[in-house]
C-alpha cells in the first residue's frame, strides 16, 4: 500500500507555502523585490562599510544585560550601533575593548550606541572584566551564544567579532577577529557621514 504523499512532495509543498507567506518585501528605496534579510557571506574589509544598496536588515534579538535588566534590540533604532561579541576568557578582547571604550566615549553623543554581547562566559568573570577595563556601554549576558545565531550564517564561535548597524538597523559591516580602534573609528565616521534625511 502506497502513501498518498511522498516525503519529497510534502517538503516541496511546505517550501511553496513558506514562499507564499514570505511574499515580497520593500527595499531601502521603496521598490518591491524579493524577501531580503541579513545572511553572513564573509567579513567586511577593515575600516570600510558595506555599500548602502547591498545591506540587509539586522534580525531582532533580546536578552538580559550583565546587570540583570532586560534588553531588546529595538532600543538601538534610529542610531548607529556597534555590536561587539566578546568574552572575559578572550585575549584579543582584552586588547580591543579599551580601544572600543575610547571610540564610544568620542561618539556616544553623536547618535552611536555600543553594545557588548558577552558569550560563553560566567557573569562574575564578565562583570569583573568590564569593571577592570572601565567599559561604560552595556553588555548582554549570553552564556549559550544565542544572539550570534540570530545573524544567519554569522560565525558565532569567532570571538571577538563586531557588527555595525546603520541608522535604519541594516547591517553595514561585519568584522571577524580583533578590530583596531582607529579602524573602528573610521567605519563609524563613514556611517555618521551618511545622510538619511
Protein backbone atom coordinates (compact mmCIF):
# COMPACT_ATOMS: atom_id res chain seq x y z
CA UNK A 1 0.00 0.00 0.00
CA UNK A 2 1.50 3.33 -1.07
CA UNK A 3 1.31 6.54 0.90
CA UNK A 4 -0.86 9.31 -0.56
CA UNK A 5 2.04 11.82 -0.37
CA UNK A 6 5.74 11.12 -0.55
CA UNK A 7 8.13 12.83 1.88
CA UNK A 8 9.59 14.79 -1.05
CA UNK A 9 6.16 16.04 -2.12
CA UNK A 10 5.40 17.16 1.43
CA UNK A 11 8.70 19.06 1.64
CA UNK A 12 8.05 20.75 -1.71
CA UNK A 13 4.55 21.74 -0.62
CA UNK A 14 5.87 23.14 2.66
CA UNK A 15 8.52 25.12 0.80
CA UNK A 16 5.95 26.55 -1.60
CA UNK A 17 3.70 27.55 1.31
CA UNK A 18 6.58 29.25 3.09
CA UNK A 19 7.45 31.12 -0.11
CA UNK A 20 3.88 32.28 -0.49
CA UNK A 21 3.77 33.51 3.09
CA UNK A 22 7.06 35.37 2.68
CA UNK A 23 5.69 37.39 -0.26
CA UNK A 24 7.58 40.47 -1.33
CA UNK A 25 9.44 43.00 0.72
CA UNK A 26 10.25 46.62 0.17
CA UNK A 27 13.88 47.60 -0.24
CA UNK A 28 15.57 50.76 1.09
CA UNK A 29 14.45 52.71 -1.95
CA UNK A 30 10.81 51.63 -1.56
CA UNK A 31 10.89 49.31 -4.57
CA UNK A 32 9.26 45.91 -4.19
CA UNK A 33 11.55 42.96 -4.55
CA UNK A 34 12.29 39.50 -3.24
CA UNK A 35 12.32 38.99 0.54
CA UNK A 36 15.61 40.20 1.95
CA UNK A 37 17.18 39.51 5.30
CA UNK A 38 20.72 39.52 6.56
CA UNK A 39 22.85 36.47 5.89
CA UNK A 40 26.59 36.37 6.55
CA UNK A 41 28.65 35.80 3.40
CA UNK A 42 32.03 36.97 4.66
CA UNK A 43 33.73 39.66 6.72
CA UNK A 44 33.87 43.29 5.67
CA UNK A 45 37.37 44.67 5.00
CA UNK A 46 38.62 46.66 7.99
CA UNK A 47 37.82 50.38 8.18
CA UNK A 48 35.15 50.05 5.46
CA UNK A 49 31.39 49.60 5.36
CA UNK A 50 29.07 47.71 3.02
CA UNK A 51 27.57 49.82 0.20
CA UNK A 52 24.09 51.01 1.19
CA UNK A 53 22.36 49.18 -1.67
CA UNK A 54 23.93 45.87 -0.58
CA UNK A 55 22.86 46.00 3.08
CA UNK A 56 20.13 43.89 4.63
CA UNK A 57 18.15 44.39 7.84
CA UNK A 58 19.58 43.02 11.06
CA UNK A 59 17.47 40.46 12.92
CA UNK A 60 15.70 41.39 16.13
CA UNK A 61 17.12 39.94 19.33
CA UNK A 62 16.69 40.32 23.06
CA UNK A 63 18.31 39.18 26.26
CA UNK A 64 19.46 40.20 29.69
CA UNK A 65 22.21 42.70 30.41
CA UNK A 66 25.02 41.84 32.79
CA UNK A 67 23.29 43.94 35.46
CA UNK A 68 20.17 41.76 35.14
CA UNK A 69 17.97 44.27 33.33
CA UNK A 70 16.18 43.27 30.11
CA UNK A 71 17.42 44.32 26.68
CA UNK A 72 15.67 44.46 23.32
CA UNK A 73 17.39 45.37 20.06
CA UNK A 74 14.55 47.77 19.25
CA UNK A 75 16.28 50.20 21.65
CA UNK A 76 19.01 50.63 19.02
CA UNK A 77 16.55 52.03 16.46
CA UNK A 78 17.48 55.36 14.92
CA UNK A 79 21.12 55.22 15.99
CA UNK A 80 24.24 53.71 14.52
CA UNK A 81 25.07 50.61 16.57
CA UNK A 82 28.38 48.91 17.26
CA UNK A 83 27.73 45.35 18.47
CA UNK A 84 30.81 43.60 19.81
CA UNK A 85 30.90 39.88 20.68
CA UNK A 86 33.40 39.22 23.45
CA UNK A 87 34.28 37.03 26.42
CA UNK A 88 36.36 37.56 29.53
CA UNK A 89 38.39 34.49 28.52
CA UNK A 90 39.31 36.05 25.14
CA UNK A 91 42.83 37.55 24.99
CA UNK A 92 42.23 39.73 21.88
CA UNK A 93 39.09 41.08 23.60
CA UNK A 94 41.26 42.40 26.41
CA UNK A 95 43.28 44.33 23.81
CA UNK A 96 40.42 45.74 21.72
CA UNK A 97 37.91 46.53 24.50
CA UNK A 98 39.76 49.61 25.86
CA UNK A 99 40.01 50.91 22.27
CA UNK A 100 36.27 50.36 21.76
CA UNK A 101 35.60 52.22 25.00
CA UNK A 102 37.73 55.14 23.76
CA UNK A 103 35.76 55.34 20.49
CA UNK A 104 32.50 55.02 22.43
CA UNK A 105 33.46 57.98 24.62
CA UNK A 106 34.15 60.06 21.49
CA UNK A 107 30.92 59.33 19.60
CA UNK A 108 28.28 58.43 22.21
CA UNK A 109 26.68 61.88 21.98
CA UNK A 110 26.54 61.74 18.16
CA UNK A 111 23.87 59.06 17.81
CA UNK A 112 26.11 56.00 18.15
CA UNK A 113 25.30 53.21 20.60
CA UNK A 114 27.72 50.49 21.64
CA UNK A 115 26.53 47.09 22.84
CA UNK A 116 28.63 44.19 24.01
CA UNK A 117 27.45 40.60 23.72
CA UNK A 118 29.26 38.52 26.33
CA UNK A 119 29.24 34.94 25.06
CA UNK A 120 30.10 31.60 26.64
CA UNK A 121 31.16 33.23 29.88
CA UNK A 122 30.40 33.39 33.59
CA UNK A 123 28.59 36.50 34.81
CA UNK A 124 31.02 37.14 37.68
CA UNK A 125 34.07 36.95 35.39
CA UNK A 126 32.40 39.11 32.74
CA UNK A 127 31.42 41.77 35.28
CA UNK A 128 34.97 41.85 36.66
CA UNK A 129 36.29 42.21 33.09
CA UNK A 130 34.20 45.29 32.25
CA UNK A 131 34.84 46.88 35.64
CA UNK A 132 38.60 46.37 35.33
CA UNK A 133 38.67 47.87 31.82
CA UNK A 134 36.27 50.72 32.63
CA UNK A 135 33.68 49.83 29.99
CA UNK A 136 30.76 52.29 30.14
CA UNK A 137 28.49 50.75 27.50
CA UNK A 138 26.13 47.84 28.31
CA UNK A 139 26.65 44.16 27.53
CA UNK A 140 24.11 41.41 27.04
CA UNK A 141 24.95 38.28 29.04
CA UNK A 142 24.68 35.42 26.53
CA UNK A 143 26.36 32.36 28.06
CA UNK A 144 24.86 29.98 25.47
CA UNK A 145 25.85 32.13 22.49
CA UNK A 146 22.28 32.53 21.20
CA UNK A 147 22.46 36.13 19.95
CA UNK A 148 25.12 35.42 17.28
CA UNK A 149 22.87 32.70 15.87
CA UNK A 150 20.18 35.30 15.09
CA UNK A 151 22.56 36.71 12.46
CA UNK A 152 22.20 33.94 9.87
CA UNK A 153 25.45 32.30 8.88
CA UNK A 154 27.46 34.51 11.24
CA UNK A 155 30.44 32.58 12.64
CA UNK A 156 29.21 32.50 16.23
CA UNK A 157 32.41 30.88 17.51
CA UNK A 158 34.66 33.70 16.27
CA UNK A 159 35.33 35.94 19.27
CA UNK A 160 35.93 38.81 19.15
CA UNK A 161 33.68 39.85 16.28
CA UNK A 162 31.92 43.13 15.60
CA UNK A 163 28.80 44.08 13.65
CA UNK A 164 27.94 47.67 12.73
CA UNK A 165 24.34 48.70 12.04
CA UNK A 166 23.37 51.88 10.24
CA UNK A 167 20.65 54.24 11.47
CA UNK A 168 17.97 52.12 9.80
CA UNK A 169 19.09 48.95 11.59
CA UNK A 170 20.69 47.43 8.50
CA UNK A 171 23.98 45.52 8.72
CA UNK A 172 26.66 47.92 7.49
CA UNK A 173 29.81 45.98 8.43
CA UNK A 174 30.87 42.65 9.90
CA UNK A 175 34.38 42.28 11.26
CA UNK A 176 35.67 38.91 12.43
CA UNK A 177 38.62 38.96 14.78
CA UNK A 178 40.22 41.83 16.66
CA UNK A 179 39.44 45.37 15.43
CA UNK A 180 41.82 48.27 15.97
CA UNK A 181 40.32 51.39 17.47
CA UNK A 182 41.47 53.53 14.51
CA UNK A 183 39.73 51.21 12.04
CA UNK A 184 36.52 51.20 14.08
CA UNK A 185 36.61 54.99 14.31
CA UNK A 186 36.96 55.25 10.51
CA UNK A 187 34.00 52.95 9.89
CA UNK A 188 31.79 54.76 12.41
CA UNK A 189 32.65 58.11 10.81
CA UNK A 190 31.66 56.71 7.39
CA UNK A 191 28.26 55.79 8.80
CA UNK A 192 27.87 59.13 10.56
CA UNK A 193 28.53 60.87 7.23
CA UNK A 194 25.66 59.06 5.52
CA UNK A 195 22.71 61.37 5.01
CA UNK A 196 19.37 59.75 5.75
CA UNK A 197 17.32 62.97 5.55
